[in-house]
Amino acid sequence: MHAADNGQIWIRLWHTPGAASTWKVLDPEGEPMARTTLPAGSEILLIEDDSVYATVRSGETLELVRYRIGVP
């Protein structure tokens, strides 16, 4: 679980090692507002208004990745 600067709460719904992880996003009042999937090997470090920063491991390589958050 992660808390964003804007009050959102990100909850990992399930995670199988080596597989993508699915997250449910709640607004500051605790109401569901989104669901997203991050690639296998991703670990969230920081969530801001329009970005999620995560490390992504591929073999022995560790990268810092920025994912843009957008509303469809």
N, C-alpha and C. Protein backbone atom coordinates (compact mmCIF):
# COMPACT_ATOMS: atom_id res chain seq x y z
N MET A 1 0.85 -1.17 0.00
CA MET A 1 0.00 0.00 0.00
C MET A 1 0.90 1.24 0.00
N HIS A 2 0.44 2.27 -0.73
CA HIS A 2 1.19 3.53 -0.79
C HIS A 2 0.23 4.70 -0.67
N ALA A 3 0.66 5.77 -0.01
CA ALA A 3 -0.10 7.00 0.07
C ALA A 3 0.56 8.04 -0.83
N ALA A 4 -0.24 8.66 -1.68
CA ALA A 4 0.28 9.69 -2.59
C ALA A 4 0.24 11.06 -1.92
N ASP A 5 1.02 11.99 -2.46
CA ASP A 5 1.05 13.35 -1.94
C ASP A 5 -0.32 14.02 -1.97
N ASN A 6 -1.16 13.63 -2.93
CA ASN A 6 -2.48 14.26 -3.10
C ASN A 6 -3.57 13.57 -2.29
N GLY A 7 -3.22 12.63 -1.41
CA GLY A 7 -4.19 11.96 -0.55
C GLY A 7 -4.72 10.65 -1.09
N GLN A 8 -4.36 10.30 -2.33
CA GLN A 8 -4.80 9.02 -2.88
C GLN A 8 -4.10 7.87 -2.15
N ILE A 9 -4.80 6.74 -2.07
CA ILE A 9 -4.23 5.53 -1.51
C ILE A 9 -4.17 4.49 -2.62
N TRP A 10 -3.01 3.90 -2.82
CA TRP A 10 -2.79 2.85 -3.82
C TRP A 10 -2.64 1.53 -3.09
N ILE A 11 -3.52 0.57 -3.41
CA ILE A 11 -3.52 -0.73 -2.76
C ILE A 11 -3.24 -1.82 -3.80
N ARG A 12 -2.19 -2.60 -3.57
CA ARG A 12 -1.90 -3.72 -4.48
C ARG A 12 -2.91 -4.82 -4.20
N LEU A 13 -3.66 -5.21 -5.24
CA LEU A 13 -4.72 -6.20 -5.07
C LEU A 13 -4.18 -7.61 -4.99
N TRP A 14 -3.27 -7.93 -5.86
CA TRP A 14 -2.62 -9.24 -5.82
C TRP A 14 -1.31 -9.13 -6.55
N HIS A 15 -0.43 -10.02 -6.21
CA HIS A 15 0.90 -9.98 -6.83
C HIS A 15 1.49 -11.37 -6.81
N THR A 16 1.83 -11.84 -7.98
CA THR A 16 2.55 -13.10 -8.13
C THR A 16 3.97 -12.75 -8.54
N PRO A 17 4.99 -13.18 -7.79
CA PRO A 17 6.36 -12.85 -8.17
C PRO A 17 6.63 -13.18 -9.64
N GLY A 18 7.24 -12.22 -10.34
CA GLY A 18 7.55 -12.39 -11.75
C GLY A 18 6.41 -12.01 -12.68
N ALA A 19 5.28 -11.58 -12.12
CA ALA A 19 4.13 -11.19 -12.94
C ALA A 19 3.78 -9.73 -12.67
N ALA A 20 2.98 -9.15 -13.55
CA ALA A 20 2.51 -7.78 -13.37
C ALA A 20 1.69 -7.68 -12.08
N SER A 21 1.62 -6.48 -11.49
CA SER A 21 0.82 -6.28 -10.28
C SER A 21 -0.32 -5.32 -10.56
N THR A 22 -1.47 -5.60 -9.99
CA THR A 22 -2.66 -4.78 -10.18
C THR A 22 -2.90 -3.95 -8.93
N TRP A 23 -3.20 -2.66 -9.15
CA TRP A 23 -3.39 -1.70 -8.06
C TRP A 23 -4.77 -1.06 -8.14
N LYS A 24 -5.40 -0.88 -7.00
CA LYS A 24 -6.65 -0.14 -6.90
C LYS A 24 -6.31 1.21 -6.28
N VAL A 25 -6.83 2.30 -6.88
CA VAL A 25 -6.53 3.65 -6.41
C VAL A 25 -7.79 4.22 -5.77
N LEU A 26 -7.65 4.70 -4.53
CA LEU A 26 -8.76 5.31 -3.81
C LEU A 26 -8.52 6.82 -3.71
N ASP A 27 -9.60 7.61 -3.79
CA ASP A 27 -9.45 9.06 -3.62
C ASP A 27 -9.26 9.36 -2.14
N PRO A 28 -9.01 10.63 -1.78
CA PRO A 28 -8.75 10.97 -0.37
C PRO A 28 -9.89 10.60 0.59
N GLU A 29 -11.11 10.44 0.06
CA GLU A 29 -12.25 10.05 0.90
C GLU A 29 -12.40 8.53 1.00
N GLY A 30 -11.53 7.78 0.31
CA GLY A 30 -11.57 6.33 0.35
C GLY A 30 -12.44 5.70 -0.72
N GLU A 31 -12.93 6.49 -1.66
CA GLU A 31 -13.76 5.98 -2.74
C GLU A 31 -12.89 5.48 -3.90
N PRO A 32 -13.23 4.33 -4.48
CA PRO A 32 -12.46 3.83 -5.63
C PRO A 32 -12.52 4.82 -6.79
N MET A 33 -11.36 5.06 -7.42
CA MET A 33 -11.33 5.99 -8.55
C MET A 33 -10.60 5.42 -9.77
N ALA A 34 -9.79 4.40 -9.58
CA ALA A 34 -9.06 3.84 -10.72
C ALA A 34 -8.48 2.48 -10.35
N ARG A 35 -8.09 1.78 -11.39
CA ARG A 35 -7.37 0.51 -11.24
C ARG A 35 -6.32 0.52 -12.34
N THR A 36 -5.12 0.05 -12.00
CA THR A 36 -4.06 0.03 -13.00
C THR A 36 -3.16 -1.19 -12.78
N THR A 37 -2.40 -1.50 -13.78
CA THR A 37 -1.46 -2.61 -13.71
C THR A 37 -0.07 -2.10 -14.02
N LEU A 38 0.89 -2.48 -13.20
CA LEU A 38 2.29 -2.13 -13.43
C LEU A 38 3.03 -3.39 -13.87
N PRO A 39 4.06 -3.21 -14.70
CA PRO A 39 4.80 -4.36 -15.23
C PRO A 39 5.46 -5.21 -14.15
N ALA A 40 5.72 -6.44 -14.51
CA ALA A 40 6.44 -7.35 -13.62
C ALA A 40 7.76 -6.72 -13.19
N GLY A 41 8.11 -6.91 -11.94
CA GLY A 41 9.37 -6.40 -11.42
C GLY A 41 9.31 -4.95 -10.95
N SER A 42 8.12 -4.31 -11.02
CA SER A 42 7.98 -2.91 -10.60
C SER A 42 7.75 -2.79 -9.11
N GLU A 43 8.40 -1.82 -8.50
CA GLU A 43 8.18 -1.48 -7.10
C GLU A 43 8.01 0.03 -7.01
N ILE A 44 6.85 0.47 -6.54
CA ILE A 44 6.56 1.91 -6.45
C ILE A 44 7.44 2.54 -5.39
N LEU A 45 8.03 3.71 -5.75
CA LEU A 45 8.83 4.48 -4.81
C LEU A 45 8.09 5.74 -4.36
N LEU A 46 7.42 6.43 -5.31
CA LEU A 46 6.80 7.72 -5.05
C LEU A 46 5.63 7.92 -5.99
N ILE A 47 4.55 8.50 -5.47
CA ILE A 47 3.39 8.84 -6.29
C ILE A 47 3.13 10.32 -6.12
N GLU A 48 3.07 11.03 -7.25
CA GLU A 48 2.75 12.45 -7.26
C GLU A 48 1.46 12.64 -8.05
N ASP A 49 1.01 13.89 -8.21
CA ASP A 49 -0.25 14.17 -8.90
C ASP A 49 -0.36 13.53 -10.27
N ASP A 50 0.69 13.60 -11.07
CA ASP A 50 0.60 13.10 -12.44
C ASP A 50 1.65 12.05 -12.79
N SER A 51 2.33 11.51 -11.78
CA SER A 51 3.41 10.55 -12.06
C SER A 51 3.54 9.52 -10.95
N VAL A 52 3.95 8.33 -11.36
CA VAL A 52 4.34 7.27 -10.42
C VAL A 52 5.79 6.94 -10.75
N TYR A 53 6.65 6.96 -9.75
CA TYR A 53 8.04 6.60 -9.92
C TYR A 53 8.23 5.21 -9.32
N ALA A 54 8.85 4.34 -10.09
CA ALA A 54 9.04 2.97 -9.65
C ALA A 54 10.39 2.46 -10.11
N THR A 55 10.89 1.47 -9.40
CA THR A 55 12.04 0.73 -9.90
C THR A 55 11.49 -0.49 -10.63
N VAL A 56 12.17 -0.86 -11.70
CA VAL A 56 11.80 -2.04 -12.46
C VAL A 56 13.03 -2.91 -12.61
N ARG A 57 12.92 -4.13 -12.14
CA ARG A 57 14.04 -5.07 -12.21
C ARG A 57 13.84 -6.01 -13.37
N SER A 58 14.90 -6.14 -14.17
CA SER A 58 14.91 -7.10 -15.27
C SER A 58 16.24 -7.84 -15.18
N GLY A 59 16.19 -9.06 -14.69
CA GLY A 59 17.43 -9.79 -14.47
C GLY A 59 18.22 -9.10 -13.37
N GLU A 60 19.44 -8.71 -13.68
CA GLU A 60 20.27 -8.02 -12.70
C GLU A 60 20.26 -6.52 -12.89
N THR A 61 19.44 -6.02 -13.82
CA THR A 61 19.36 -4.59 -14.10
C THR A 61 18.20 -3.97 -13.31
N LEU A 62 18.46 -2.83 -12.68
CA LEU A 62 17.44 -2.10 -11.95
C LEU A 62 17.34 -0.71 -12.56
N GLU A 63 16.15 -0.35 -13.03
CA GLU A 63 15.93 0.96 -13.66
C GLU A 63 14.94 1.77 -12.85
N LEU A 64 15.09 3.10 -12.88
CA LEU A 64 14.11 4.01 -12.32
C LEU A 64 13.22 4.45 -13.48
N VAL A 65 11.90 4.27 -13.33
CA VAL A 65 10.95 4.55 -14.40
C VAL A 65 9.90 5.52 -13.89
N ARG A 66 9.50 6.45 -14.75
CA ARG A 66 8.41 7.37 -14.43
C ARG A 66 7.23 7.02 -15.31
N TYR A 67 6.09 6.73 -14.68
CA TYR A 67 4.85 6.47 -15.41
C TYR A 67 3.96 7.69 -15.26
N ARG A 68 3.44 8.19 -16.36
CA ARG A 68 2.52 9.31 -16.33
C ARG A 68 1.12 8.81 -15.96
N ILE A 69 0.44 9.55 -15.10
CA ILE A 69 -0.93 9.22 -14.73
C ILE A 69 -1.85 10.13 -15.52
N GLY A 70 -2.80 9.56 -16.21
CA GLY A 70 -3.74 10.36 -16.98
C GLY A 70 -5.15 9.87 -16.78
N VAL A 71 -6.08 10.75 -17.01
CA VAL A 71 -7.49 10.40 -16.94
C VAL A 71 -8.00 10.22 -18.35
N PRO A 72 -8.58 9.04 -18.66
CA PRO A 72 -9.05 8.80 -20.03
C PRO A 72 -10.20 9.71 -20.41
